[in-house]
Amino acid sequence: MPKKRPAAPDSIPVLPSKSADHYFRFHRPHAHLAPVFGNDWFALKAESFARFFGTPVFLIGQTIIVALWISANVIGLTQFDIYPFILLNLAFSLQAAYAAPLILLAQTRQADRDKAHADADAQHREALATANEERQRLAAKQGEQMVELLKQNTQLTEMTKELSQRIEVLTSEMHSKFLQGGLT
């Protein structure tokens, strides 16, 4: 039974072979990077909330709320924020005051992840280039060995041909001597 290595971060299974790092290097979190706001609960929730700002659900929902807000105040269903809708402007200002830093947080964290992936890609390309050079060197060495073996094979074939011819000559000489001297 093969030994199991300790599990990688985030419970990604690790194969018992040495090449496990090759297969999972892009899926593991990049622990060497220190995110701007860390990986605590607040940072993760703030980033997910900032990402929500750009979704169609948020934009359509906000549009519906603003349309209802303005309609209710213009029609006269309520009078809590009459034209020029100062409370609505204040709500938008408050939303912008929180949205901008959250969006910057999400962009910074994404830039950190992109940099880590770019570094991993560069290391992977370098490893591929090194492996390719090693394969080419090995292929050249094997090619040289094949040429040497072909030369040796040719020499052996020539020697075999010469020895066969020599045996034929000797056999002919012996045959002629037996025929001349008779069977004794």
Protein backbone atom coordinates (compact mmCIF):
# COMPACT_ATOMS: atom_id res chain seq x y z
CA MET A 1 0.00 0.00 0.00
CA PRO A 2 1.56 3.34 -1.03
CA LYS A 3 2.23 6.00 1.57
CA LYS A 4 -0.17 8.91 1.60
CA ARG A 5 1.25 12.36 1.83
CA PRO A 6 -0.52 14.98 3.94
CA ALA A 7 -3.42 16.70 2.23
CA ALA A 8 -2.72 19.94 0.42
CA PRO A 9 -4.43 23.16 1.50
CA ASP A 10 -8.20 23.29 0.97
CA SER A 11 -8.40 19.47 1.04
CA ILE A 12 -7.25 18.99 -2.56
CA PRO A 13 -6.22 15.33 -2.86
CA VAL A 14 -2.53 14.71 -3.46
CA LEU A 15 -1.48 11.78 -5.60
CA PRO A 16 1.26 9.60 -4.15
CA SER A 17 3.48 10.19 -7.20
CA LYS A 18 6.08 12.91 -7.42
CA SER A 19 4.22 14.53 -10.30
CA ALA A 20 1.20 15.48 -8.15
CA ASP A 21 2.52 19.03 -7.86
CA HIS A 22 2.49 19.30 -11.63
CA TYR A 23 -1.21 18.45 -11.87
CA PHE A 24 -2.55 20.50 -8.96
CA ARG A 25 -0.28 23.55 -8.89
CA PHE A 26 -2.91 25.80 -10.50
CA HIS A 27 -5.69 24.65 -8.18
CA ARG A 28 -4.01 25.23 -4.85
CA PRO A 29 -4.32 28.65 -3.26
CA HIS A 30 -1.14 30.64 -3.43
CA ALA A 31 -0.23 30.69 0.25
CA HIS A 32 2.88 32.79 -0.34
CA LEU A 33 0.69 35.76 -1.26
CA ALA A 34 -0.61 37.89 1.57
CA PRO A 35 -3.96 39.29 0.41
CA VAL A 36 -4.60 42.93 1.19
CA PHE A 37 -7.36 42.19 3.70
CA GLY A 38 -6.42 38.59 4.43
CA ASN A 39 -8.52 35.48 4.04
CA ASP A 40 -10.72 36.11 7.04
CA TRP A 41 -14.51 36.15 6.96
CA PHE A 42 -14.78 39.92 6.41
CA ALA A 43 -12.39 39.96 3.46
CA LEU A 44 -14.13 37.08 1.72
CA LYS A 45 -17.62 38.53 2.27
CA ALA A 46 -16.52 42.02 1.23
CA GLU A 47 -15.02 40.64 -1.97
CA SER A 48 -18.13 38.60 -2.79
CA PHE A 49 -20.32 41.65 -2.11
CA ALA A 50 -18.13 43.82 -4.37
CA ARG A 51 -18.38 41.20 -7.11
CA PHE A 52 -22.19 41.25 -6.70
CA PHE A 53 -22.25 44.98 -7.64
CA GLY A 54 -21.49 44.15 -11.26
CA THR A 55 -24.09 41.45 -11.75
CA PRO A 56 -27.28 41.87 -13.79
CA VAL A 57 -29.32 40.84 -10.74
CA PHE A 58 -27.98 43.83 -8.78
CA LEU A 59 -28.41 46.30 -11.63
CA ILE A 60 -31.96 45.19 -12.46
CA GLY A 61 -32.91 45.08 -8.76
CA GLN A 62 -31.52 48.55 -8.14
CA THR A 63 -33.30 49.91 -11.22
CA ILE A 64 -36.62 48.45 -10.01
CA ILE A 65 -36.17 49.88 -6.51
CA VAL A 66 -35.28 53.35 -7.85
CA ALA A 67 -38.23 53.28 -10.28
CA LEU A 68 -40.61 52.28 -7.47
CA TRP A 69 -39.09 54.93 -5.16
CA ILE A 70 -39.52 57.73 -7.69
CA SER A 71 -42.97 56.52 -8.82
CA ALA A 72 -44.29 56.27 -5.26
CA ASN A 73 -43.12 59.81 -4.48
CA VAL A 74 -44.26 61.39 -7.77
CA ILE A 75 -47.70 59.74 -7.80
CA GLY A 76 -48.24 60.70 -4.17
CA LEU A 77 -48.45 57.24 -2.56
CA THR A 78 -45.93 58.56 -0.08
CA GLN A 79 -44.24 61.88 0.56
CA PHE A 80 -41.05 60.83 2.38
CA ASP A 81 -38.72 61.89 -0.50
CA ILE A 82 -40.34 64.46 -2.77
CA TYR A 83 -38.69 65.95 -5.83
CA PRO A 84 -35.56 66.55 -6.12
CA PHE A 85 -35.23 63.19 -4.28
CA ILE A 86 -32.56 64.25 -1.80
CA LEU A 87 -32.87 61.04 0.23
CA LEU A 88 -32.40 58.95 -2.93
CA ASN A 89 -29.27 60.97 -3.80
CA LEU A 90 -28.01 60.43 -0.27
CA ALA A 91 -28.61 56.68 -0.61
CA PHE A 92 -26.67 56.63 -3.90
CA SER A 93 -23.81 58.58 -2.30
CA LEU A 94 -23.70 56.15 0.61
CA GLN A 95 -23.75 53.20 -1.77
CA ALA A 96 -20.91 54.73 -3.82
CA ALA A 97 -18.88 55.44 -0.67
CA TYR A 98 -18.96 51.74 0.21
CA ALA A 99 -18.93 50.32 -3.32
CA ALA A 100 -15.72 52.03 -4.46
CA PRO A 101 -13.45 50.61 -1.74
CA LEU A 102 -15.07 47.17 -2.04
CA ILE A 103 -14.53 47.15 -5.79
CA LEU A 104 -10.92 48.23 -5.30
CA LEU A 105 -10.51 45.42 -2.76
CA ALA A 106 -11.84 42.87 -5.25
CA GLN A 107 -9.59 44.22 -8.01
CA THR A 108 -6.51 44.12 -5.77
CA ARG A 109 -7.21 40.56 -4.67
CA GLN A 110 -7.82 39.51 -8.29
CA ALA A 111 -4.56 41.18 -9.35
CA ASP A 112 -2.75 39.16 -6.65
CA ARG A 113 -4.31 35.95 -7.96
CA ASP A 114 -3.51 36.87 -11.57
CA LYS A 115 0.12 37.56 -10.63
CA ALA A 116 0.38 34.23 -8.84
CA HIS A 117 -1.08 32.41 -11.85
CA ALA A 118 1.27 34.29 -14.20
CA ASP A 119 4.24 33.28 -12.01
CA ALA A 120 3.06 29.67 -11.99
CA ASP A 121 2.65 29.78 -15.78
CA ALA A 122 6.16 31.19 -16.20
CA GLN A 123 7.59 28.46 -13.98
CA HIS A 124 5.64 25.86 -15.93
CA ARG A 125 6.92 27.19 -19.26
CA GLU A 126 10.47 27.18 -17.89
CA ALA A 127 10.07 23.59 -16.70
CA LEU A 128 8.71 22.60 -20.13
CA ALA A 129 11.63 24.30 -21.86
CA THR A 130 14.12 22.53 -19.58
CA ALA A 131 12.40 19.18 -20.15
CA ASN A 132 12.38 19.82 -23.91
CA GLU A 133 16.11 20.60 -23.90
CA GLU A 134 16.76 17.42 -21.91
CA ARG A 135 14.68 15.40 -24.39
CA GLN A 136 16.55 16.91 -27.32
CA ARG A 137 19.90 16.17 -25.69
CA LEU A 138 18.83 12.59 -24.99
CA ALA A 139 17.54 12.18 -28.57
CA ALA A 140 20.85 13.48 -29.95
CA LYS A 141 22.78 11.08 -27.71
CA GLN A 142 20.57 8.17 -28.77
CA GLY A 143 20.98 9.19 -32.42
CA GLU A 144 24.77 9.12 -32.01
CA GLN A 145 24.51 5.70 -30.36
CA MET A 146 22.35 4.43 -33.23
CA VAL A 147 24.89 5.66 -35.80
CA GLU A 148 27.69 3.93 -33.86
CA LEU A 149 25.66 0.71 -33.65
CA LEU A 150 24.94 0.88 -37.40
CA LYS A 151 28.67 1.32 -38.09
CA GLN A 152 29.46 -1.67 -35.88
CA ASN A 153 26.71 -3.69 -37.57
CA THR A 154 28.13 -2.79 -40.99
CA GLN A 155 31.63 -3.83 -39.86
CA LEU A 156 30.31 -7.12 -38.51
CA THR A 157 28.40 -7.75 -41.75
CA GLU A 158 31.56 -7.08 -43.78
CA MET A 159 33.58 -9.39 -41.50
CA THR A 160 30.91 -12.08 -41.84
CA LYS A 161 31.00 -11.71 -45.62
CA GLU A 162 34.82 -11.93 -45.65
CA LEU A 163 34.80 -14.97 -43.37
CA SER A 164 32.09 -16.64 -45.48
CA GLN A 165 34.16 -16.04 -48.59
CA ARG A 166 37.25 -17.36 -46.83
CA ILE A 167 35.36 -20.47 -45.70
CA GLU A 168 34.12 -21.00 -49.25
CA VAL A 169 37.66 -20.71 -50.60
CA LEU A 170 39.03 -23.08 -47.96
CA THR A 171 36.19 -25.51 -48.58
CA SER A 172 36.89 -25.43 -52.31
CA GLU A 173 40.62 -25.97 -51.68
CA MET A 174 39.94 -28.88 -49.33
CA HIS A 175 37.47 -30.38 -51.78
CA SER A 176 39.94 -30.15 -54.62
CA LYS A 177 42.72 -31.68 -52.46
CA PHE A 178 40.47 -34.57 -51.47
CA LEU A 179 39.52 -35.14 -55.09
CA GLN A 180 43.17 -35.00 -56.21
CA GLY A 181 44.57 -37.15 -53.45
CA GLY A 182 41.73 -39.54 -53.37
CA LEU A 183 39.93 -40.71 -50.34
CA THR A 184 42.46 -41.76 -47.78
